Amino acid sequence: MTDLVAHGIEVSLPAGWEGRLFRRPRDGEIAAQDAHIEGEPAAPQETTNAVLHASTIAVPPGVGDFASGAVDKLRADDIFVVLFEYDPSSADTVLFQSAGIPRTLTADDFSPNVMQRAIRGQAGVQRFFNDQGRAFCLYVVIGAFARRRELVYRVNEVLATLTIEPREGASTAPNSTTTTEPSDTAPTTEAPTTVAPTTTAPSDSGGDGP
């Protein structure tokens, strides 16, 4: 097992999985040279929040926050899990009204229509929720819709280990515990509407896949 711990989030990854848990620096915030933070800091007056990537493939440098640039590399038995945190002001909105981490997904939760950009054979699931006063989107892509009943057990194995602390307990430094490079795409901090931002998040209204 590999444990990732940073920014008030902890998860244990089974053998054969790889992950990273990071937060991009805010405007004017300087990361240590050994923090391996890619890209420019967020725009002025924009906050940044935690992002978790966990996958059965090697997570490539520069992959988008919602796994663009990586999901097209998934094989039939591969999985990519994203946990993306929004600004805490979103936690009380309708979109994030579901309380608690969605730890048990079912095979029927997965659909090709959840993908941001359609990739033949793949399927995904998306859940918005609040936990510990924080707002999150869980986005999971599997390499083969036909194997969803087998793959969902492996997804739930990871979700069972996921814990979230109140925001006050999270790290404020941009440094993170990772096993690969963080994304070069800054997370949005604006409160989402009932449709996730099309430039970063997969649509909850069933658009094309990543």
Protein backbone atom coordinates (compact mmCIF):
# COMPACT_ATOMS: atom_id res chain seq x y z
CA MET A 1 0.00 0.00 0.00
CA THR A 2 1.10 3.58 -0.71
CA ASP A 3 -0.20 6.32 1.58
CA LEU A 4 -0.73 9.85 0.27
CA VAL A 5 -1.23 12.50 2.95
CA ALA A 6 -1.50 16.24 2.29
CA HIS A 7 -3.90 19.20 2.53
CA GLY A 8 -6.17 17.48 5.02
CA ILE A 9 -6.73 14.45 2.79
CA GLU A 10 -5.39 10.92 3.17
CA VAL A 11 -5.74 7.86 0.95
CA SER A 12 -4.06 4.47 0.71
CA LEU A 13 -3.38 3.08 -2.76
CA PRO A 14 -3.13 -0.68 -3.42
CA ALA A 15 -0.10 -2.23 -5.06
CA GLY A 16 0.01 -1.33 -8.74
CA TRP A 17 -1.57 2.10 -8.25
CA GLU A 18 0.17 5.48 -8.51
CA GLY A 19 -1.02 8.83 -7.23
CA ARG A 20 -0.38 12.43 -6.31
CA LEU A 21 -2.02 14.84 -3.91
CA PHE A 22 -1.25 18.51 -4.47
CA ARG A 23 -2.32 22.12 -4.45
CA ARG A 24 -1.09 24.73 -6.88
CA PRO A 25 0.45 27.89 -5.39
CA ARG A 26 -1.73 30.95 -5.03
CA ASP A 27 -0.83 34.28 -6.61
CA GLY A 28 2.27 35.65 -4.90
CA GLU A 29 2.93 32.37 -3.10
CA ILE A 30 6.37 30.97 -3.84
CA ALA A 31 6.82 27.22 -3.65
CA ALA A 32 10.12 25.68 -2.63
CA GLN A 33 12.25 24.68 -5.59
CA ASP A 34 12.04 21.05 -4.56
CA ALA A 35 8.22 21.14 -4.43
CA HIS A 36 7.99 20.24 -8.15
CA ILE A 37 5.03 22.55 -8.77
CA GLU A 38 4.47 22.99 -12.51
CA GLY A 39 3.03 25.99 -14.33
CA GLU A 40 2.13 29.48 -13.16
CA PRO A 41 0.44 30.31 -9.84
CA ALA A 42 -3.29 30.98 -9.78
CA ALA A 43 -4.67 34.33 -10.92
CA PRO A 44 -4.86 37.20 -8.39
CA GLN A 45 -7.70 36.86 -5.84
CA GLU A 46 -8.14 33.19 -6.81
CA THR A 47 -7.72 30.52 -4.18
CA THR A 48 -6.44 27.04 -4.92
CA ASN A 49 -7.54 23.79 -3.33
CA ALA A 50 -6.56 20.14 -3.11
CA VAL A 51 -6.51 17.76 -6.08
CA LEU A 52 -6.03 13.99 -5.82
CA HIS A 53 -5.09 11.78 -8.77
CA ALA A 54 -4.96 8.01 -8.30
CA SER A 55 -4.60 5.57 -11.17
CA THR A 56 -3.49 2.12 -12.25
CA ILE A 57 -1.31 3.79 -14.90
CA ALA A 58 1.68 6.07 -14.43
CA VAL A 59 0.25 9.59 -14.05
CA PRO A 60 1.96 11.70 -16.73
CA PRO A 61 3.33 15.17 -15.91
CA GLY A 62 1.08 18.00 -17.01
CA VAL A 63 -2.15 15.99 -16.94
CA GLY A 64 -5.26 18.14 -16.45
CA ASP A 65 -6.98 18.32 -13.10
CA PHE A 66 -9.79 16.12 -14.42
CA ALA A 67 -7.35 13.70 -16.08
CA SER A 68 -7.32 15.10 -19.60
CA GLY A 69 -4.15 13.84 -21.23
CA ALA A 70 -4.26 10.63 -19.21
CA VAL A 71 -7.60 8.86 -19.70
CA ASP A 72 -6.84 8.19 -23.35
CA LYS A 73 -3.95 6.02 -22.11
CA LEU A 74 -6.19 3.74 -20.03
CA ARG A 75 -6.33 0.09 -21.06
CA ALA A 76 -9.40 -2.07 -20.57
CA ASP A 77 -8.52 -2.95 -16.97
CA ASP A 78 -7.28 0.51 -15.92
CA ILE A 79 -8.85 3.11 -13.63
CA PHE A 80 -8.33 6.83 -13.02
CA VAL A 81 -9.75 8.47 -9.88
CA VAL A 82 -9.92 12.25 -9.41
CA LEU A 83 -10.91 14.08 -6.23
CA PHE A 84 -11.15 17.82 -6.93
CA GLU A 85 -11.82 20.37 -4.20
CA TYR A 86 -13.82 23.54 -4.83
CA ASP A 87 -13.90 26.67 -2.68
CA PRO A 88 -15.47 25.96 0.73
CA SER A 89 -18.16 28.55 0.02
CA SER A 90 -19.63 25.98 -2.40
CA ALA A 91 -20.17 23.37 0.33
CA ASP A 92 -23.63 24.70 1.21
CA THR A 93 -24.88 24.97 -2.38
CA VAL A 94 -27.41 22.64 -4.00
CA LEU A 95 -24.83 20.99 -6.25
CA PHE A 96 -22.83 19.79 -3.22
CA GLN A 97 -25.79 18.95 -0.99
CA SER A 98 -24.90 15.25 -0.80
CA ALA A 99 -23.08 14.77 2.51
CA GLY A 100 -20.15 12.41 3.01
CA ILE A 101 -17.62 10.67 0.79
CA PRO A 102 -19.31 8.39 -1.79
CA ARG A 103 -17.44 5.24 -0.80
CA THR A 104 -19.54 2.59 -2.54
CA LEU A 105 -20.12 2.98 -6.25
CA THR A 106 -22.03 0.39 -8.27
CA ALA A 107 -21.47 -0.94 -11.77
CA ASP A 108 -24.66 0.79 -12.88
CA ASP A 109 -23.28 4.18 -11.82
CA PHE A 110 -20.83 4.12 -14.73
CA SER A 111 -21.89 5.48 -18.10
CA PRO A 112 -20.14 6.51 -21.33
CA ASN A 113 -22.27 9.67 -21.26
CA VAL A 114 -20.51 11.04 -18.18
CA MET A 115 -17.24 11.43 -20.07
CA GLN A 116 -16.12 14.95 -20.98
CA ARG A 117 -14.83 13.62 -24.31
CA ALA A 118 -16.07 10.30 -25.66
CA ILE A 119 -13.42 7.57 -25.80
CA ARG A 120 -14.55 4.31 -27.33
CA GLY A 121 -15.32 1.67 -24.70
CA GLN A 122 -14.66 3.86 -21.64
CA ALA A 123 -17.13 4.99 -18.99
CA GLY A 124 -17.17 7.31 -16.02
CA VAL A 125 -19.05 8.41 -12.93
CA GLN A 126 -19.20 11.80 -11.22
CA ARG A 127 -20.37 12.69 -7.72
CA PHE A 128 -20.51 16.13 -6.09
CA PHE A 129 -20.53 16.10 -2.28
CA ASN A 130 -19.55 17.95 0.87
CA ASP A 131 -17.51 16.59 3.76
CA GLN A 132 -16.04 18.35 6.81
CA GLY A 133 -17.27 21.71 5.51
CA ARG A 134 -15.41 21.21 2.19
CA ALA A 135 -16.81 20.84 -1.34
CA PHE A 136 -15.59 18.12 -3.71
CA CYS A 137 -16.18 16.42 -7.03
CA LEU A 138 -15.30 12.73 -7.32
CA TYR A 139 -14.69 11.73 -10.94
CA VAL A 140 -13.78 8.15 -11.90
CA VAL A 141 -13.00 6.78 -15.37
CA ILE A 142 -12.67 3.08 -16.17
CA GLY A 143 -10.99 1.70 -19.27
CA ALA A 144 -13.85 -0.59 -20.29
CA PHE A 145 -17.58 -0.17 -19.72
CA ALA A 146 -17.95 -3.90 -20.41
CA ARG A 147 -15.76 -4.65 -17.35
CA ARG A 148 -17.45 -2.21 -14.98
CA ARG A 149 -18.72 -4.93 -12.62
CA GLU A 150 -15.16 -6.10 -12.06
CA LEU A 151 -13.50 -2.69 -11.97
CA VAL A 152 -15.95 -1.04 -9.54
CA TYR A 153 -14.66 -3.26 -6.72
CA ARG A 154 -11.15 -1.92 -7.24
CA VAL A 155 -12.44 1.65 -7.23
CA ASN A 156 -14.32 1.07 -3.96
CA GLU A 157 -11.20 -0.45 -2.42
CA VAL A 158 -9.49 2.93 -2.80
CA LEU A 159 -12.53 5.00 -1.75
CA ALA A 160 -12.79 2.96 1.46
CA THR A 161 -9.42 4.36 2.59
CA LEU A 162 -10.16 8.00 1.76
CA THR A 163 -10.40 10.39 4.71
CA ILE A 164 -10.96 14.16 4.75
CA GLU A 165 -10.18 16.51 7.64
CA PRO A 166 -11.79 19.90 8.26
CA ARG A 167 -10.17 22.63 6.19
CA GLU A 168 -8.57 24.16 9.28
CA GLY A 169 -6.48 21.00 9.62
CA ALA A 170 -5.24 21.09 6.03
CA SER A 171 -1.76 22.26 5.05
CA THR A 172 -1.51 25.82 3.73
CA ALA A 173 1.77 25.33 1.91
CA PRO A 174 1.83 24.43 -1.80
CA ASN A 175 4.23 21.55 -1.14
CA SER A 176 2.54 18.16 -1.26
CA THR A 177 2.99 14.44 -0.81
CA THR A 178 3.11 12.96 -4.31
CA THR A 179 4.52 10.14 -6.38
CA THR A 180 4.55 12.11 -9.62
CA GLU A 181 4.39 15.66 -10.92
CA PRO A 182 1.35 17.89 -10.21
CA SER A 183 -0.98 19.28 -12.85
CA ASP A 184 -0.14 22.34 -14.92
CA THR A 185 -3.79 23.38 -14.93
CA ALA A 186 -4.90 25.59 -12.03
CA PRO A 187 -8.07 24.42 -10.31
CA THR A 188 -10.97 26.84 -10.51
CA THR A 189 -12.13 28.29 -7.20
CA GLU A 190 -15.39 29.83 -8.32
CA ALA A 191 -18.51 28.15 -6.99
CA PRO A 192 -19.81 25.88 -9.76
CA THR A 193 -23.28 26.04 -11.18
CA THR A 194 -25.42 22.92 -11.56
CA VAL A 195 -23.18 22.06 -14.50
CA ALA A 196 -19.48 21.59 -13.77
CA PRO A 197 -17.10 23.96 -15.59
CA THR A 198 -16.56 22.67 -19.12
CA THR A 199 -12.92 23.78 -19.20
CA THR A 200 -11.87 21.65 -16.25
CA ALA A 201 -14.56 19.40 -14.89
CA PRO A 202 -16.61 16.75 -16.66
CA SER A 203 -20.24 17.75 -17.07
CA ASP A 204 -22.82 16.44 -14.63
CA SER A 205 -25.38 16.79 -17.37
CA GLY A 206 -23.91 13.97 -19.48
CA GLY A 207 -21.64 15.62 -22.02
CA ASP A 208 -18.88 14.05 -24.05
CA GLY A 209 -15.97 12.39 -22.26
CA PRO A 210 -12.36 13.61 -21.68
